[in-house]
Every structure is written in structure tokens, then in C-alpha cells.
Amino acid sequence: MTKFLLAVHVIAAILAVGPVAVAASMFPPAARRALAAGPGTDDLGAPRLLHRICRVYAVIGVVVPVFGFATASEMGVLGSPWLIVSVALTALAALVLAAVILPAQTALLEAGSGTRNPTARLAMATGLFNLLWAAVTVLMIVRPGSTTGA
């Protein structure tokens, strides 16, 4: 059962978190181009699509920690420091996505073309989101101090 849960956890992470990371990273430059087009133009199609991908896959991404906890429980590692840090970083990444990235994307889309272009802050938040997921991935692979094998 552990192998099945782990496989579902990893596949869900790749298929749910991956698209959010990519779409969120692509959004600031796409929004920058669309906003630079000026008033009277509606070039927000690409940013709208990227925002929708972020929203939909963020919801789907909930299965990642669900299967992660199930896997950790099966493996008996729920109290392991590497897992606790991974959970904390995952929660922080989810908070950055839900409280910073998605609202900023929505605000940019609602503002439309010809407005001030605050994409630098959004790009920074997206970089932080991706960095947090990279750290979680490394912790999941390396598992420092783990006694369950490499």
C-alpha cells in the first residue's frame, strides 16, 4: 500500500503543482506585455488562461498533501523533522499562492490594459513559491536524518 500511496502522491505533485509553478511563472511577463499594449486593447487572453490554470490546479493540488500524509502515516515517519519542515514549507507555499499570487493575478486582470504595471512584486512572490516547492522536493528526496533508507 505504501508504494501505491507514494506513487499517487508523486504523480499528483507533478501533475498539480507543476502546472501551477509554470503558469504562475509565465503570468508576470504575459501580463506585462498585455498591460503595455495600452488602453483600448484587450490582450489579456494569455494572462487570463494562465490565471485559470493557477486557480484550477491549486484546487486539484490539495490531493498532494492528502496522499503525502497517508504515505507518511504508512511509513511511520509523521514525526520526522524532515517531514515536519516539508509540511511547514508546503503550507507556506500554499499561503503565498492563495494570499499573494492568485489575488495579485486577479487584481492585474481586473485593472486591464493601460494601468500601472506592478508585475515585479508578483514575479518575486512567484519565485518564492517555486523556491519553496524546490526545497520541499529536495527534503522529500534527501530526507535528512531519515532511518527509513534513501
C-alpha atoms as a PDB file:
ATOM      1  CA  MET A   1       0.000   0.000   0.000  1.00  0.00           C
ATOM      2  CA  THR A   2       2.883   2.377   0.753  1.00  0.00           C
ATOM      3  CA  LYS A   3       4.200   2.199  -2.801  1.00  0.00           C
ATOM      4  CA  PHE A   4       0.755   2.934  -4.210  1.00  0.00           C
ATOM      5  CA  LEU A   5       0.246   5.942  -1.907  1.00  0.00           C
ATOM      6  CA  LEU A   6       3.732   7.247  -2.674  1.00  0.00           C
ATOM      7  CA  ALA A   7       3.171   6.854  -6.415  1.00  0.00           C
ATOM      8  CA  VAL A   8      -0.134   8.736  -6.254  1.00  0.00           C
ATOM      9  CA  HIS A   9       1.488  11.442  -4.087  1.00  0.00           C
ATOM     10  CA  VAL A  10       4.376  11.951  -6.535  1.00  0.00           C
ATOM     11  CA  ILE A  11       2.158  11.834  -9.635  1.00  0.00           C
ATOM     12  CA  ALA A  12      -0.261  14.316  -8.047  1.00  0.00           C
ATOM     13  CA  ALA A  13       2.632  16.628  -7.177  1.00  0.00           C
ATOM     14  CA  ILE A  14       3.941  16.541 -10.731  1.00  0.00           C
ATOM     15  CA  LEU A  15       0.538  16.952 -12.383  1.00  0.00           C
ATOM     16  CA  ALA A  16      -0.927  19.503  -9.955  1.00  0.00           C
ATOM     17  CA  VAL A  17       1.922  21.582  -8.567  1.00  0.00           C
ATOM     18  CA  GLY A  18       3.941  21.569 -11.792  1.00  0.00           C
ATOM     19  CA  PRO A  19       1.317  23.391 -13.873  1.00  0.00           C
ATOM     20  CA  VAL A  20       0.787  25.982 -11.123  1.00  0.00           C
ATOM     21  CA  ALA A  21       4.527  26.630 -10.903  1.00  0.00           C
ATOM     22  CA  VAL A  22       4.853  27.023 -14.670  1.00  0.00           C
ATOM     23  CA  ALA A  23       1.676  29.066 -15.219  1.00  0.00           C
ATOM     24  CA  ALA A  24       2.410  31.342 -12.258  1.00  0.00           C
ATOM     25  CA  SER A  25       5.923  31.936 -13.614  1.00  0.00           C
ATOM     26  CA  MET A  26       4.593  32.734 -17.074  1.00  0.00           C
ATOM     27  CA  PHE A  27       1.905  35.116 -15.803  1.00  0.00           C
ATOM     28  CA  PRO A  28       4.025  38.203 -14.923  1.00  0.00           C
ATOM     29  CA  PRO A  29       5.705  38.536 -18.345  1.00  0.00           C
ATOM     30  CA  ALA A  30       2.413  37.804 -20.137  1.00  0.00           C
ATOM     31  CA  ALA A  31       0.630  40.405 -18.010  1.00  0.00           C
ATOM     32  CA  ARG A  32       3.468  42.889 -18.548  1.00  0.00           C
ATOM     33  CA  ARG A  33       3.109  42.537 -22.328  1.00  0.00           C
ATOM     34  CA  ALA A  34      -0.683  42.782 -22.173  1.00  0.00           C
ATOM     35  CA  LEU A  35      -0.655  45.843 -19.924  1.00  0.00           C
ATOM     36  CA  ALA A  36       1.944  47.548 -22.110  1.00  0.00           C
ATOM     37  CA  ALA A  37      -0.385  47.244 -25.095  1.00  0.00           C
ATOM     38  CA  GLY A  38      -2.175  50.326 -23.838  1.00  0.00           C
ATOM     39  CA  PRO A  39      -5.768  51.393 -23.256  1.00  0.00           C
ATOM     40  CA  GLY A  40      -8.429  50.197 -25.631  1.00  0.00           C
ATOM     41  CA  THR A  41      -6.735  46.894 -26.341  1.00  0.00           C
ATOM     42  CA  ASP A  42      -7.722  43.612 -24.784  1.00  0.00           C
ATOM     43  CA  ASP A  43      -4.638  41.416 -24.950  1.00  0.00           C
ATOM     44  CA  LEU A  44      -5.379  39.738 -21.620  1.00  0.00           C
ATOM     45  CA  GLY A  45      -6.253  36.347 -23.125  1.00  0.00           C
ATOM     46  CA  ALA A  46      -2.967  34.666 -22.206  1.00  0.00           C
ATOM     47  CA  PRO A  47      -2.849  36.065 -18.651  1.00  0.00           C
ATOM     48  CA  ARG A  48      -6.489  35.032 -18.122  1.00  0.00           C
ATOM     49  CA  LEU A  49      -5.686  31.477 -19.233  1.00  0.00           C
ATOM     50  CA  LEU A  50      -2.601  31.313 -17.010  1.00  0.00           C
ATOM     51  CA  HIS A  51      -4.609  32.609 -14.041  1.00  0.00           C
ATOM     52  CA  ARG A  52      -7.296  29.986 -14.644  1.00  0.00           C
ATOM     53  CA  ILE A  53      -4.641  27.250 -14.761  1.00  0.00           C
ATOM     54  CA  CYS A  54      -3.241  28.502 -11.447  1.00  0.00           C
ATOM     55  CA  ARG A  55      -6.675  28.552  -9.796  1.00  0.00           C
ATOM     56  CA  VAL A  56      -7.864  25.171 -11.062  1.00  0.00           C
ATOM     57  CA  TYR A  57      -4.633  23.305 -10.397  1.00  0.00           C
ATOM     58  CA  ALA A  58      -4.292  24.918  -6.966  1.00  0.00           C
ATOM     59  CA  VAL A  59      -7.576  23.251  -6.017  1.00  0.00           C
ATOM     60  CA  ILE A  60      -6.511  19.942  -7.555  1.00  0.00           C
ATOM     61  CA  GLY A  61      -3.205  20.278  -5.682  1.00  0.00           C
ATOM     62  CA  VAL A  62      -4.980  19.612  -2.382  1.00  0.00           C
ATOM     63  CA  VAL A  63      -4.624  15.890  -3.130  1.00  0.00           C
ATOM     64  CA  VAL A  64      -0.826  16.199  -2.856  1.00  0.00           C
ATOM     65  CA  PRO A  65      -0.689  16.714   0.932  1.00  0.00           C
ATOM     66  CA  VAL A  66      -3.615  14.330   1.451  1.00  0.00           C
ATOM     67  CA  PHE A  67      -1.699  11.470  -0.155  1.00  0.00           C
ATOM     68  CA  GLY A  68       1.526  12.755   1.392  1.00  0.00           C
ATOM     69  CA  PHE A  69       0.103  12.398   4.901  1.00  0.00           C
ATOM     70  CA  ALA A  70      -1.304   8.964   4.037  1.00  0.00           C
ATOM     71  CA  THR A  71       2.103   7.871   2.739  1.00  0.00           C
ATOM     72  CA  ALA A  72       3.928   9.281   5.768  1.00  0.00           C
ATOM     73  CA  SER A  73       1.496   7.536   8.088  1.00  0.00           C
ATOM     74  CA  GLU A  74       2.030   4.202   6.311  1.00  0.00           C
ATOM     75  CA  MET A  75       5.802   4.698   6.514  1.00  0.00           C
ATOM     76  CA  GLY A  76       5.650   5.706  10.189  1.00  0.00           C
ATOM     77  CA  VAL A  77       7.513   8.979   9.631  1.00  0.00           C
ATOM     78  CA  LEU A  78       4.889  11.539  10.660  1.00  0.00           C
ATOM     79  CA  GLY A  79       7.120  12.880  13.450  1.00  0.00           C
ATOM     80  CA  SER A  80      10.306  13.076  11.381  1.00  0.00           C
ATOM     81  CA  PRO A  81      11.925  16.520  11.320  1.00  0.00           C
ATOM     82  CA  TRP A  82      12.377  16.478   7.525  1.00  0.00           C
ATOM     83  CA  LEU A  83       8.666  15.791   7.100  1.00  0.00           C
ATOM     84  CA  ILE A  84       7.608  18.464   9.582  1.00  0.00           C
ATOM     85  CA  VAL A  85       9.783  21.027   7.780  1.00  0.00           C
ATOM     86  CA  SER A  86       8.358  19.861   4.434  1.00  0.00           C
ATOM     87  CA  VAL A  87       4.806  20.277   5.720  1.00  0.00           C
ATOM     88  CA  ALA A  88       5.602  23.761   7.034  1.00  0.00           C
ATOM     89  CA  LEU A  89       7.169  24.786   3.708  1.00  0.00           C
ATOM     90  CA  THR A  90       4.214  23.317   1.811  1.00  0.00           C
ATOM     91  CA  ALA A  91       1.802  25.299   3.982  1.00  0.00           C
ATOM     92  CA  LEU A  92       3.858  28.444   3.387  1.00  0.00           C
ATOM     93  CA  ALA A  93       3.832  27.821  -0.376  1.00  0.00           C
ATOM     94  CA  ALA A  94       0.052  27.353  -0.281  1.00  0.00           C
ATOM     95  CA  LEU A  95      -0.286  30.590   1.684  1.00  0.00           C
ATOM     96  CA  VAL A  96       1.866  32.507  -0.810  1.00  0.00           C
ATOM     97  CA  LEU A  97      -0.253  31.132  -3.658  1.00  0.00           C
ATOM     98  CA  ALA A  98      -3.630  31.767  -2.016  1.00  0.00           C
ATOM     99  CA  ALA A  99      -2.894  35.073  -0.291  1.00  0.00           C
ATOM    100  CA  VAL A 100      -0.443  36.757  -2.675  1.00  0.00           C
ATOM    101  CA  ILE A 101      -0.177  35.238  -6.160  1.00  0.00           C
ATOM    102  CA  LEU A 102      -3.817  34.494  -7.024  1.00  0.00           C
ATOM    103  CA  PRO A 103      -5.159  37.813  -5.638  1.00  0.00           C
ATOM    104  CA  ALA A 104      -2.413  39.773  -7.437  1.00  0.00           C
ATOM    105  CA  GLN A 105      -3.199  37.998 -10.695  1.00  0.00           C
ATOM    106  CA  THR A 106      -6.901  38.764 -10.243  1.00  0.00           C
ATOM    107  CA  ALA A 107      -6.163  42.424  -9.500  1.00  0.00           C
ATOM    108  CA  LEU A 108      -3.999  42.759 -12.599  1.00  0.00           C
ATOM    109  CA  LEU A 109      -6.666  41.170 -14.789  1.00  0.00           C
ATOM    110  CA  GLU A 110      -9.397  43.381 -13.346  1.00  0.00           C
ATOM    111  CA  ALA A 111      -7.294  46.527 -13.787  1.00  0.00           C
ATOM    112  CA  GLY A 112      -6.901  45.845 -17.504  1.00  0.00           C
ATOM    113  CA  SER A 113      -4.614  47.436 -20.055  1.00  0.00           C
ATOM    114  CA  GLY A 114      -3.155  50.897 -19.673  1.00  0.00           C
ATOM    115  CA  THR A 115      -2.837  50.780 -15.888  1.00  0.00           C
ATOM    116  CA  ARG A 116       0.181  50.812 -13.616  1.00  0.00           C
ATOM    117  CA  ASN A 117       2.105  47.587 -14.022  1.00  0.00           C
ATOM    118  CA  PRO A 118       3.011  46.039 -10.616  1.00  0.00           C
ATOM    119  CA  THR A 119       4.255  42.739 -12.006  1.00  0.00           C
ATOM    120  CA  ALA A 120       7.675  42.842 -10.293  1.00  0.00           C
ATOM    121  CA  ARG A 121       6.196  42.097  -6.863  1.00  0.00           C
ATOM    122  CA  LEU A 122       4.106  39.286  -8.365  1.00  0.00           C
ATOM    123  CA  ALA A 123       7.175  37.835 -10.084  1.00  0.00           C
ATOM    124  CA  MET A 124       9.014  37.894  -6.735  1.00  0.00           C
ATOM    125  CA  ALA A 125       6.159  36.103  -4.971  1.00  0.00           C
ATOM    126  CA  THR A 126       6.081  33.515  -7.750  1.00  0.00           C
ATOM    127  CA  GLY A 127       9.822  32.980  -7.400  1.00  0.00           C
ATOM    128  CA  LEU A 128       9.373  32.454  -3.659  1.00  0.00           C
ATOM    129  CA  PHE A 129       6.545  29.970  -4.327  1.00  0.00           C
ATOM    130  CA  ASN A 130       8.744  27.989  -6.720  1.00  0.00           C
ATOM    131  CA  LEU A 131      11.721  28.123  -4.345  1.00  0.00           C
ATOM    132  CA  LEU A 132       9.570  26.735  -1.531  1.00  0.00           C
ATOM    133  CA  TRP A 133       8.469  23.828  -3.724  1.00  0.00           C
ATOM    134  CA  ALA A 134      12.055  23.173  -4.756  1.00  0.00           C
ATOM    135  CA  ALA A 135      13.054  22.998  -1.078  1.00  0.00           C
ATOM    136  CA  VAL A 136      10.173  20.610  -0.337  1.00  0.00           C
ATOM    137  CA  THR A 137      11.218  18.408  -3.260  1.00  0.00           C
ATOM    138  CA  VAL A 138      14.817  18.256  -2.034  1.00  0.00           C
ATOM    139  CA  LEU A 139      13.681  17.411   1.501  1.00  0.00           C
ATOM    140  CA  MET A 140      11.411  14.664   0.179  1.00  0.00           C
ATOM    141  CA  ILE A 141      14.282  13.118  -1.753  1.00  0.00           C
ATOM    142  CA  VAL A 142      17.174  13.575   0.686  1.00  0.00           C
ATOM    143  CA  ARG A 143      15.176  13.090   3.925  1.00  0.00           C
ATOM    144  CA  PRO A 144      17.971  14.251   6.249  1.00  0.00           C
ATOM    145  CA  GLY A 145      18.195  12.080   9.359  1.00  0.00           C
ATOM    146  CA  SER A 146      15.774   9.503   7.977  1.00  0.00           C
ATOM    147  CA  THR A 147      16.108   5.954   9.202  1.00  0.00           C
ATOM    148  CA  THR A 148      13.788   4.552   6.537  1.00  0.00           C
ATOM    149  CA  GLY A 149      16.504   4.329   3.898  1.00  0.00           C
ATOM    150  CA  ALA A 150      17.401   6.545   0.966  1.00  0.00           C
END
